[in-house]
Amino acid sequence: MPSELAARLQVLAAAVLFSTGGAAIKASTLSSWQVASFRSAVALVVLVAILPESRRRWSGRTWAVGFAYAATMVLFVAANKLTTAANTIFLQYTSPLYLVLAGPWLLGEPVQRRDLVYLAVLAVGLALFFVDPAPQTASAPHPQLGNALALLSGVSWAATALGLRWMARPGSGGAPVATAAACGNLIAFASGLPAALPVTTHSPLDAAIILYLGVFQIAGAYYFLIRGLRCVPALEASLLLLLEPVLNPLWSWLVHGERPGPWAVAGGGVILVATTFKTWNDSRMPTRGAT
């Protein structure tokens, strides 16, 4: 198999594994803190075992980005327990909004006129989630609170992306992603453990879900992603990874019968289309700050 095709399939495999998180989290009877902490404990062990680069070159930057990534993981779990998987992943994908806004201040990346159009479209997509409040269901018992946490996960994911750019500036290759993932899982595990204990009730299914989430949905996905990024350009990888928000609601519908509201679907569609167009359009423009 050609290396380029294998790399693309690896990125797609990462997207598929990432996309199973919502359905798996909802299937567990453990609390949000328990799922977040124990999932990250398993993922940490597997990451440092299969990705040697995750054990090297930890620094102050690694810990700073790790905190942002840990917040993303904890908020993602909590949001999935409260609102639909579709709302959680689509609202997390508002992160480019915060990236555009924070770029000039933190990375010296000026806002372009095309960015303002993108922000306006993204704001419309975001507003559609709140046109008609989602009803409470067994798999989404507190949708409004869950939506708020999902929005916060978008902010923390944007901070993670900014941090990874910051870490990569000296030219450290694929190490920033691996080290930040390992550090973030360590922080998520340690910070969530006090609230996760004691575990009063659990089942073999809960244990299996935690193992799946840690081994495959996080560590396995990052293994494939980091390997794929060695041959796949960043633009193409970003577009391939958009498979995650497409599949995420599908798994929750198949497993839990969860149906997102029409306005949420419309809002998610606007966000995905706008993000896809911006990613493609940015690839055709000169690099920001280039001289």
C-alpha atoms as a PDB file:
ATOM      1  CA  MET A   1       0.000   0.000   0.000  1.00  0.00           C
ATOM      2  CA  PRO A   2       1.462   3.417  -0.926  1.00  0.00           C
ATOM      3  CA  SER A   3       2.644   5.368   2.120  1.00  0.00           C
ATOM      4  CA  GLU A   4       0.427   8.357   1.237  1.00  0.00           C
ATOM      5  CA  LEU A   5      -2.704   6.202   1.140  1.00  0.00           C
ATOM      6  CA  ALA A   6      -1.735   4.440   4.358  1.00  0.00           C
ATOM      7  CA  ALA A   7      -1.225   7.805   6.055  1.00  0.00           C
ATOM      8  CA  ARG A   8      -4.642   9.061   4.933  1.00  0.00           C
ATOM      9  CA  LEU A   9      -6.250   5.876   6.236  1.00  0.00           C
ATOM     10  CA  GLN A  10      -4.469   6.387   9.552  1.00  0.00           C
ATOM     11  CA  VAL A  11      -5.895   9.902   9.895  1.00  0.00           C
ATOM     12  CA  LEU A  12      -9.352   8.582   8.998  1.00  0.00           C
ATOM     13  CA  ALA A  13      -8.942   5.801  11.570  1.00  0.00           C
ATOM     14  CA  ALA A  14      -8.136   8.440  14.180  1.00  0.00           C
ATOM     15  CA  ALA A  15     -11.280  10.377  13.260  1.00  0.00           C
ATOM     16  CA  VAL A  16     -13.425   7.241  13.513  1.00  0.00           C
ATOM     17  CA  LEU A  17     -12.005   6.343  16.930  1.00  0.00           C
ATOM     18  CA  PHE A  18     -12.409   9.905  18.216  1.00  0.00           C
ATOM     19  CA  SER A  19     -16.032   9.893  17.013  1.00  0.00           C
ATOM     20  CA  THR A  20     -17.027   6.944  19.213  1.00  0.00           C
ATOM     21  CA  GLY A  21     -16.452   8.880  22.429  1.00  0.00           C
ATOM     22  CA  GLY A  22     -19.954  10.313  22.820  1.00  0.00           C
ATOM     23  CA  ALA A  23     -21.814   7.009  22.485  1.00  0.00           C
ATOM     24  CA  ALA A  24     -19.361   5.153  24.731  1.00  0.00           C
ATOM     25  CA  ILE A  25     -19.458   7.800  27.472  1.00  0.00           C
ATOM     26  CA  LYS A  26     -23.263   7.745  27.497  1.00  0.00           C
ATOM     27  CA  ALA A  27     -23.266   3.933  27.807  1.00  0.00           C
ATOM     28  CA  SER A  28     -21.389   4.033  31.112  1.00  0.00           C
ATOM     29  CA  THR A  29     -23.214   4.333  34.437  1.00  0.00           C
ATOM     30  CA  LEU A  30     -20.143   5.889  36.055  1.00  0.00           C
ATOM     31  CA  SER A  31     -20.157   9.605  36.860  1.00  0.00           C
ATOM     32  CA  SER A  32     -18.556  12.224  34.652  1.00  0.00           C
ATOM     33  CA  TRP A  33     -15.590  12.555  36.988  1.00  0.00           C
ATOM     34  CA  GLN A  34     -15.088   8.798  37.085  1.00  0.00           C
ATOM     35  CA  VAL A  35     -15.210   8.398  33.325  1.00  0.00           C
ATOM     36  CA  ALA A  36     -12.905  11.363  32.725  1.00  0.00           C
ATOM     37  CA  SER A  37     -10.353  10.356  35.355  1.00  0.00           C
ATOM     38  CA  PHE A  38     -10.211   6.613  34.724  1.00  0.00           C
ATOM     39  CA  ARG A  39     -10.296   7.013  30.937  1.00  0.00           C
ATOM     40  CA  SER A  40      -7.300   9.328  31.090  1.00  0.00           C
ATOM     41  CA  ALA A  41      -5.412   6.978  33.442  1.00  0.00           C
ATOM     42  CA  VAL A  42      -5.699   4.158  30.918  1.00  0.00           C
ATOM     43  CA  ALA A  43      -4.887   6.461  28.005  1.00  0.00           C
ATOM     44  CA  LEU A  44      -1.776   7.804  29.759  1.00  0.00           C
ATOM     45  CA  VAL A  45      -0.339   4.330  30.298  1.00  0.00           C
ATOM     46  CA  VAL A  46      -0.981   3.313  26.695  1.00  0.00           C
ATOM     47  CA  LEU A  47       0.302   6.581  25.200  1.00  0.00           C
ATOM     48  CA  VAL A  48       3.665   6.463  26.965  1.00  0.00           C
ATOM     49  CA  ALA A  49       3.987   2.783  26.005  1.00  0.00           C
ATOM     50  CA  ILE A  50       3.256   3.088  22.273  1.00  0.00           C
ATOM     51  CA  LEU A  51       4.519   6.623  21.544  1.00  0.00           C
ATOM     52  CA  PRO A  52       8.135   7.083  22.672  1.00  0.00           C
ATOM     53  CA  GLU A  53       7.990  10.759  21.676  1.00  0.00           C
ATOM     54  CA  SER A  54       5.365  11.335  24.383  1.00  0.00           C
ATOM     55  CA  ARG A  55       8.028  10.670  27.030  1.00  0.00           C
ATOM     56  CA  ARG A  56      10.520  13.212  25.755  1.00  0.00           C
ATOM     57  CA  ARG A  57      11.034  16.981  25.968  1.00  0.00           C
ATOM     58  CA  TRP A  58       8.426  17.854  28.615  1.00  0.00           C
ATOM     59  CA  SER A  59       8.693  21.519  29.516  1.00  0.00           C
ATOM     60  CA  GLY A  60       6.724  24.383  30.974  1.00  0.00           C
ATOM     61  CA  ARG A  61       4.979  24.693  27.627  1.00  0.00           C
ATOM     62  CA  THR A  62       4.007  21.028  27.794  1.00  0.00           C
ATOM     63  CA  TRP A  63       2.308  21.529  31.157  1.00  0.00           C
ATOM     64  CA  ALA A  64       0.546  24.713  30.039  1.00  0.00           C
ATOM     65  CA  VAL A  65      -0.914  23.023  26.953  1.00  0.00           C
ATOM     66  CA  GLY A  66      -1.601  19.903  28.990  1.00  0.00           C
ATOM     67  CA  PHE A  67      -3.855  21.857  31.345  1.00  0.00           C
ATOM     68  CA  ALA A  68      -5.886  23.188  28.409  1.00  0.00           C
ATOM     69  CA  TYR A  69      -6.183  19.727  26.896  1.00  0.00           C
ATOM     70  CA  ALA A  70      -7.159  18.195  30.246  1.00  0.00           C
ATOM     71  CA  ALA A  71      -9.934  20.765  30.602  1.00  0.00           C
ATOM     72  CA  THR A  72     -11.166  19.861  27.120  1.00  0.00           C
ATOM     73  CA  MET A  73     -11.362  16.160  27.955  1.00  0.00           C
ATOM     74  CA  VAL A  74     -13.145  16.656  31.283  1.00  0.00           C
ATOM     75  CA  LEU A  75     -15.628  19.137  29.815  1.00  0.00           C
ATOM     76  CA  PHE A  76     -16.277  16.842  26.848  1.00  0.00           C
ATOM     77  CA  VAL A  77     -17.192  13.953  29.143  1.00  0.00           C
ATOM     78  CA  ALA A  78     -19.395  16.124  31.350  1.00  0.00           C
ATOM     79  CA  ALA A  79     -21.196  17.657  28.369  1.00  0.00           C
ATOM     80  CA  ASN A  80     -21.870  14.246  26.825  1.00  0.00           C
ATOM     81  CA  LYS A  81     -23.483  13.107  30.059  1.00  0.00           C
ATOM     82  CA  LEU A  82     -25.870  16.074  30.015  1.00  0.00           C
ATOM     83  CA  THR A  83     -26.724  16.916  26.401  1.00  0.00           C
ATOM     84  CA  THR A  84     -26.787  15.133  23.057  1.00  0.00           C
ATOM     85  CA  ALA A  85     -23.584  13.866  21.491  1.00  0.00           C
ATOM     86  CA  ALA A  86     -24.358  15.986  18.420  1.00  0.00           C
ATOM     87  CA  ASN A  87     -24.607  19.190  20.442  1.00  0.00           C
ATOM     88  CA  THR A  88     -21.423  18.337  22.341  1.00  0.00           C
ATOM     89  CA  ILE A  89     -19.248  17.747  19.292  1.00  0.00           C
ATOM     90  CA  PHE A  90     -20.725  20.530  17.159  1.00  0.00           C
ATOM     91  CA  LEU A  91     -20.359  23.110  19.928  1.00  0.00           C
ATOM     92  CA  GLN A  92     -16.801  21.962  20.561  1.00  0.00           C
ATOM     93  CA  TYR A  93     -16.154  22.610  16.874  1.00  0.00           C
ATOM     94  CA  THR A  94     -16.789  26.313  17.468  1.00  0.00           C
ATOM     95  CA  SER A  95     -13.146  26.405  18.608  1.00  0.00           C
ATOM     96  CA  PRO A  96     -11.980  28.125  15.354  1.00  0.00           C
ATOM     97  CA  LEU A  97     -14.068  31.126  16.426  1.00  0.00           C
ATOM     98  CA  TYR A  98     -11.871  31.599  19.487  1.00  0.00           C
ATOM     99  CA  LEU A  99      -8.723  30.789  17.529  1.00  0.00           C
ATOM    100  CA  VAL A 100      -9.393  33.648  15.117  1.00  0.00           C
ATOM    101  CA  LEU A 101     -10.185  36.036  17.962  1.00  0.00           C
ATOM    102  CA  ALA A 102      -7.175  35.078  20.095  1.00  0.00           C
ATOM    103  CA  GLY A 103      -4.632  34.706  17.299  1.00  0.00           C
ATOM    104  CA  PRO A 104      -3.738  38.413  17.035  1.00  0.00           C
ATOM    105  CA  TRP A 105      -3.179  38.695  20.789  1.00  0.00           C
ATOM    106  CA  LEU A 106      -1.309  35.479  21.497  1.00  0.00           C
ATOM    107  CA  LEU A 107       0.459  34.569  18.248  1.00  0.00           C
ATOM    108  CA  GLY A 108       0.606  37.836  16.351  1.00  0.00           C
ATOM    109  CA  GLU A 109      -1.654  36.477  13.605  1.00  0.00           C
ATOM    110  CA  PRO A 110      -3.715  39.400  12.235  1.00  0.00           C
ATOM    111  CA  VAL A 111      -7.419  39.025  11.538  1.00  0.00           C
ATOM    112  CA  GLN A 112      -8.105  39.083   7.807  1.00  0.00           C
ATOM    113  CA  ARG A 113     -11.278  40.368   6.165  1.00  0.00           C
ATOM    114  CA  ARG A 114     -12.228  36.815   5.186  1.00  0.00           C
ATOM    115  CA  ASP A 115     -11.972  35.874   8.872  1.00  0.00           C
ATOM    116  CA  LEU A 116     -14.713  38.366   9.742  1.00  0.00           C
ATOM    117  CA  VAL A 117     -17.064  36.725   7.252  1.00  0.00           C
ATOM    118  CA  TYR A 118     -16.225  33.346   8.719  1.00  0.00           C
ATOM    119  CA  LEU A 119     -16.873  34.600  12.273  1.00  0.00           C
ATOM    120  CA  ALA A 120     -20.277  35.950  11.243  1.00  0.00           C
ATOM    121  CA  VAL A 121     -21.291  32.648   9.648  1.00  0.00           C
ATOM    122  CA  LEU A 122     -20.014  30.689  12.625  1.00  0.00           C
ATOM    123  CA  ALA A 123     -21.980  32.938  14.965  1.00  0.00           C
ATOM    124  CA  VAL A 124     -25.154  32.176  12.996  1.00  0.00           C
ATOM    125  CA  GLY A 125     -24.485  28.452  13.312  1.00  0.00           C
ATOM    126  CA  LEU A 126     -23.885  28.827  17.032  1.00  0.00           C
ATOM    127  CA  ALA A 127     -27.104  30.805  17.510  1.00  0.00           C
ATOM    128  CA  LEU A 128     -29.164  28.045  15.882  1.00  0.00           C
ATOM    129  CA  PHE A 129     -28.427  25.761  18.828  1.00  0.00           C
ATOM    130  CA  PHE A 130     -30.391  28.074  21.089  1.00  0.00           C
ATOM    131  CA  VAL A 131     -33.403  28.818  18.870  1.00  0.00           C
ATOM    132  CA  ASP A 132     -35.386  25.894  20.233  1.00  0.00           C
ATOM    133  CA  PRO A 133     -34.144  24.455  23.571  1.00  0.00           C
ATOM    134  CA  ALA A 134     -33.681  20.697  23.346  1.00  0.00           C
ATOM    135  CA  PRO A 135     -36.070  18.580  25.454  1.00  0.00           C
ATOM    136  CA  GLN A 136     -34.782  16.450  28.304  1.00  0.00           C
ATOM    137  CA  THR A 137     -34.247  12.783  27.433  1.00  0.00           C
ATOM    138  CA  ALA A 138     -32.703   9.772  29.132  1.00  0.00           C
ATOM    139  CA  SER A 139     -29.399  10.287  27.301  1.00  0.00           C
ATOM    140  CA  ALA A 140     -29.516  14.096  27.582  1.00  0.00           C
ATOM    141  CA  PRO A 141     -31.046  14.907  30.990  1.00  0.00           C
ATOM    142  CA  HIS A 142     -29.820  18.532  31.256  1.00  0.00           C
ATOM    143  CA  PRO A 143     -29.280  19.812  27.709  1.00  0.00           C
ATOM    144  CA  GLN A 144     -28.874  23.503  28.530  1.00  0.00           C
ATOM    145  CA  LEU A 145     -26.126  22.893  31.090  1.00  0.00           C
ATOM    146  CA  GLY A 146     -24.530  20.364  28.756  1.00  0.00           C
ATOM    147  CA  ASN A 147     -24.547  22.881  25.905  1.00  0.00           C
ATOM    148  CA  ALA A 148     -22.811  25.425  28.126  1.00  0.00           C
ATOM    149  CA  LEU A 149     -20.112  22.915  29.073  1.00  0.00           C
ATOM    150  CA  ALA A 150     -19.691  21.956  25.413  1.00  0.00           C
ATOM    151  CA  LEU A 151     -19.135  25.614  24.560  1.00  0.00           C
ATOM    152  CA  LEU A 152     -16.471  25.809  27.257  1.00  0.00           C
ATOM    153  CA  SER A 153     -14.840  22.702  25.799  1.00  0.00           C
ATOM    154  CA  GLY A 154     -14.628  24.604  22.508  1.00  0.00           C
ATOM    155  CA  VAL A 155     -12.789  27.415  24.292  1.00  0.00           C
ATOM    156  CA  SER A 156     -10.360  25.012  25.982  1.00  0.00           C
ATOM    157  CA  TRP A 157      -9.822  23.113  22.723  1.00  0.00           C
ATOM    158  CA  ALA A 158      -8.984  26.412  21.012  1.00  0.00           C
ATOM    159  CA  ALA A 159      -6.497  27.097  23.810  1.00  0.00           C
ATOM    160  CA  THR A 160      -5.020  23.648  23.215  1.00  0.00           C
ATOM    161  CA  ALA A 161      -4.646  24.306  19.481  1.00  0.00           C
ATOM    162  CA  LEU A 162      -3.007  27.676  20.161  1.00  0.00           C
ATOM    163  CA  GLY A 163      -0.674  25.995  22.624  1.00  0.00           C
ATOM    164  CA  LEU A 164       0.316  23.325  20.124  1.00  0.00           C
ATOM    165  CA  ARG A 165       1.201  26.042  17.598  1.00  0.00           C
ATOM    166  CA  TRP A 166       3.215  27.757  20.318  1.00  0.00           C
ATOM    167  CA  MET A 167       5.049  24.530  21.161  1.00  0.00           C
ATOM    168  CA  ALA A 168       5.759  23.725  17.513  1.00  0.00           C
ATOM    169  CA  ARG A 169       7.348  27.051  16.664  1.00  0.00           C
ATOM    170  CA  PRO A 170      10.915  25.959  17.491  1.00  0.00           C
ATOM    171  CA  GLY A 171      10.444  23.042  15.078  1.00  0.00           C
ATOM    172  CA  SER A 172       9.870  20.074  17.356  1.00  0.00           C
ATOM    173  CA  GLY A 173       8.132  17.862  14.766  1.00  0.00           C
ATOM    174  CA  GLY A 174       5.385  15.587  16.028  1.00  0.00           C
ATOM    175  CA  ALA A 175       6.484  15.727  19.653  1.00  0.00           C
ATOM    176  CA  PRO A 176       4.147  18.578  20.727  1.00  0.00           C
ATOM    177  CA  VAL A 177       0.996  16.560  20.032  1.00  0.00           C
ATOM    178  CA  ALA A 178       2.305  13.430  21.751  1.00  0.00           C
ATOM    179  CA  THR A 179       3.688  15.171  24.823  1.00  0.00           C
ATOM    180  CA  ALA A 180       0.641  17.411  25.231  1.00  0.00           C
ATOM    181  CA  ALA A 181      -1.671  14.389  24.947  1.00  0.00           C
ATOM    182  CA  ALA A 182       0.269  12.463  27.578  1.00  0.00           C
ATOM    183  CA  CYS A 183       0.530  15.457  29.911  1.00  0.00           C
ATOM    184  CA  GLY A 184      -3.147  16.341  29.482  1.00  0.00           C
ATOM    185  CA  ASN A 185      -4.232  12.832  30.345  1.00  0.00           C
ATOM    186  CA  LEU A 186      -2.023  12.866  33.435  1.00  0.00           C
ATOM    187  CA  ILE A 187      -3.592  16.125  34.606  1.00  0.00           C
ATOM    188  CA  ALA A 188      -7.148  14.959  33.810  1.00  0.00           C
ATOM    189  CA  PHE A 189      -6.580  11.739  35.746  1.00  0.00           C
ATOM    190  CA  ALA A 190      -5.027  13.411  38.785  1.00  0.00           C
ATOM    191  CA  SER A 191      -7.445  16.348  38.967  1.00  0.00           C
ATOM    192  CA  GLY A 192     -10.542  14.179  38.579  1.00  0.00           C
ATOM    193  CA  LEU A 193      -9.495  11.377  40.930  1.00  0.00           C
ATOM    194  CA  PRO A 194     -10.615  13.010  44.240  1.00  0.00           C
ATOM    195  CA  ALA A 195     -14.137  13.527  42.852  1.00  0.00           C
ATOM    196  CA  ALA A 196     -14.130  10.080  41.217  1.00  0.00           C
ATOM    197  CA  LEU A 197     -13.547   8.183  44.456  1.00  0.00           C
ATOM    198  CA  PRO A 198     -15.017   6.165  45.990  1.00  0.00           C
ATOM    199  CA  VAL A 199     -16.532   4.021  43.255  1.00  0.00           C
ATOM    200  CA  THR A 200     -19.675   2.733  44.955  1.00  0.00           C
ATOM    201  CA  THR A 201     -21.281   0.966  41.997  1.00  0.00           C
ATOM    202  CA  HIS A 202     -19.909  -0.349  38.752  1.00  0.00           C
ATOM    203  CA  SER A 203     -20.359  -3.191  36.318  1.00  0.00           C
ATOM    204  CA  PRO A 204     -18.191  -5.231  33.948  1.00  0.00           C
ATOM    205  CA  LEU A 205     -19.615  -3.106  31.137  1.00  0.00           C
ATOM    206  CA  ASP A 206     -18.386   0.061  32.851  1.00  0.00           C
ATOM    207  CA  ALA A 207     -14.886  -1.407  33.115  1.00  0.00           C
ATOM    208  CA  ALA A 208     -14.952  -2.449  29.465  1.00  0.00           C
ATOM    209  CA  ILE A 209     -16.078   1.037  28.404  1.00  0.00           C
ATOM    210  CA  ILE A 210     -13.273   2.700  30.375  1.00  0.00           C
ATOM    211  CA  LEU A 211     -10.714   0.366  28.812  1.00  0.00           C
ATOM    212  CA  TYR A 212     -12.107   1.006  25.338  1.00  0.00           C
ATOM    213  CA  LEU A 213     -12.108   4.785  25.811  1.00  0.00           C
ATOM    214  CA  GLY A 214      -8.561   4.883  27.148  1.00  0.00           C
ATOM    215  CA  VAL A 215      -6.957   2.309  24.844  1.00  0.00           C
ATOM    216  CA  PHE A 216      -8.734   2.992  21.572  1.00  0.00           C
ATOM    217  CA  GLN A 217     -10.766   6.222  21.628  1.00  0.00           C
ATOM    218  CA  ILE A 218      -7.856   8.301  22.982  1.00  0.00           C
ATOM    219  CA  ALA A 219      -4.509   6.496  22.809  1.00  0.00           C
ATOM    220  CA  GLY A 220      -5.241   4.516  19.652  1.00  0.00           C
ATOM    221  CA  ALA A 221      -6.634   7.570  17.907  1.00  0.00           C
ATOM    222  CA  TYR A 222      -3.541   9.632  18.722  1.00  0.00           C
ATOM    223  CA  TYR A 223      -1.270   6.811  17.605  1.00  0.00           C
ATOM    224  CA  PHE A 224      -2.916   6.767  14.178  1.00  0.00           C
ATOM    225  CA  LEU A 225      -3.103  10.565  13.988  1.00  0.00           C
ATOM    226  CA  ILE A 226       0.553  11.178  14.793  1.00  0.00           C
ATOM    227  CA  ARG A 227       1.671   8.484  12.377  1.00  0.00           C
ATOM    228  CA  GLY A 228      -0.596   9.832   9.642  1.00  0.00           C
ATOM    229  CA  LEU A 229       0.565  13.419  10.092  1.00  0.00           C
ATOM    230  CA  ARG A 230       4.061  12.400   9.021  1.00  0.00           C
ATOM    231  CA  CYS A 231       2.877  12.144   5.408  1.00  0.00           C
ATOM    232  CA  VAL A 232      -0.482  13.943   5.252  1.00  0.00           C
ATOM    233  CA  PRO A 233      -0.409  17.765   4.887  1.00  0.00           C
ATOM    234  CA  ALA A 234      -2.070  19.726   7.688  1.00  0.00           C
ATOM    235  CA  LEU A 235      -4.882  20.950   5.416  1.00  0.00           C
ATOM    236  CA  GLU A 236      -5.809  17.474   4.246  1.00  0.00           C
ATOM    237  CA  ALA A 237      -5.597  16.107   7.780  1.00  0.00           C
ATOM    238  CA  SER A 238      -7.929  18.832   9.050  1.00  0.00           C
ATOM    239  CA  LEU A 239     -10.473  17.987   6.381  1.00  0.00           C
ATOM    240  CA  LEU A 240     -10.213  14.236   6.997  1.00  0.00           C
ATOM    241  CA  LEU A 241     -10.720  14.773  10.720  1.00  0.00           C
ATOM    242  CA  LEU A 242     -14.073  16.420  10.003  1.00  0.00           C
ATOM    243  CA  LEU A 243     -15.333  12.858   9.756  1.00  0.00           C
ATOM    244  CA  GLU A 244     -15.424  12.879  13.576  1.00  0.00           C
ATOM    245  CA  PRO A 245     -18.340  15.326  14.038  1.00  0.00           C
ATOM    246  CA  VAL A 246     -20.196  13.613  11.194  1.00  0.00           C
ATOM    247  CA  LEU A 247     -19.971  10.147  12.743  1.00  0.00           C
ATOM    248  CA  ASN A 248     -20.265  11.124  16.405  1.00  0.00           C
ATOM    249  CA  PRO A 249     -24.051  11.743  16.358  1.00  0.00           C
ATOM    250  CA  LEU A 250     -24.540   8.669  14.173  1.00  0.00           C
ATOM    251  CA  TRP A 251     -23.062   6.322  16.780  1.00  0.00           C
ATOM    252  CA  SER A 252     -25.240   7.837  19.524  1.00  0.00           C
ATOM    253  CA  TRP A 253     -28.314   7.415  17.344  1.00  0.00           C
ATOM    254  CA  LEU A 254     -27.463   3.774  16.588  1.00  0.00           C
ATOM    255  CA  VAL A 255     -26.580   2.883  20.197  1.00  0.00           C
ATOM    256  CA  HIS A 256     -28.954   5.079  22.212  1.00  0.00           C
ATOM    257  CA  GLY A 257     -31.596   6.156  19.716  1.00  0.00           C
ATOM    258  CA  GLU A 258     -30.558   9.750  20.387  1.00  0.00           C
ATOM    259  CA  ARG A 259     -31.902  12.245  17.856  1.00  0.00           C
ATOM    260  CA  PRO A 260     -30.583  15.825  17.878  1.00  0.00           C
ATOM    261  CA  GLY A 261     -33.098  18.589  17.270  1.00  0.00           C
ATOM    262  CA  PRO A 262     -33.482  20.045  13.758  1.00  0.00           C
ATOM    263  CA  TRP A 263     -32.059  23.405  14.776  1.00  0.00           C
ATOM    264  CA  ALA A 264     -29.001  21.721  16.295  1.00  0.00           C
ATOM    265  CA  VAL A 265     -28.473  19.741  13.098  1.00  0.00           C
ATOM    266  CA  ALA A 266     -28.767  22.936  11.068  1.00  0.00           C
ATOM    267  CA  GLY A 267     -26.343  24.749  13.355  1.00  0.00           C
ATOM    268  CA  GLY A 268     -23.878  21.891  13.196  1.00  0.00           C
ATOM    269  CA  GLY A 269     -24.118  21.832   9.428  1.00  0.00           C
ATOM    270  CA  VAL A 270     -23.375  25.558   9.208  1.00  0.00           C
ATOM    271  CA  ILE A 271     -20.360  25.168  11.512  1.00  0.00           C
ATOM    272  CA  LEU A 272     -18.934  22.224   9.570  1.00  0.00           C
ATOM    273  CA  VAL A 273     -19.423  23.838   6.167  1.00  0.00           C
ATOM    274  CA  ALA A 274     -17.932  27.135   7.345  1.00  0.00           C
ATOM    275  CA  THR A 275     -14.944  25.388   8.929  1.00  0.00           C
ATOM    276  CA  THR A 276     -14.350  23.271   5.821  1.00  0.00           C
ATOM    277  CA  PHE A 277     -14.482  26.312   3.545  1.00  0.00           C
ATOM    278  CA  LYS A 278     -12.183  28.355   5.782  1.00  0.00           C
ATOM    279  CA  THR A 279      -9.643  25.537   6.004  1.00  0.00           C
ATOM    280  CA  TRP A 280      -9.621  25.169   2.223  1.00  0.00           C
ATOM    281  CA  ASN A 281      -9.553  28.922   1.620  1.00  0.00           C
ATOM    282  CA  ASP A 282      -6.684  29.512   4.067  1.00  0.00           C
ATOM    283  CA  SER A 283      -4.598  26.922   2.225  1.00  0.00           C
ATOM    284  CA  ARG A 284      -4.829  29.030  -0.938  1.00  0.00           C
ATOM    285  CA  MET A 285      -3.660  32.234   0.753  1.00  0.00           C
ATOM    286  CA  PRO A 286      -0.087  33.325   1.523  1.00  0.00           C
ATOM    287  CA  THR A 287       1.091  32.327   4.958  1.00  0.00           C
ATOM    288  CA  ARG A 288       0.193  34.913   7.564  1.00  0.00           C
ATOM    289  CA  GLY A 289       3.080  37.060   8.553  1.00  0.00           C
ATOM    290  CA  ALA A 290       5.223  35.846   5.638  1.00  0.00           C
ATOM    291  CA  THR A 291       7.628  38.379   4.174  1.00  0.00           C
END
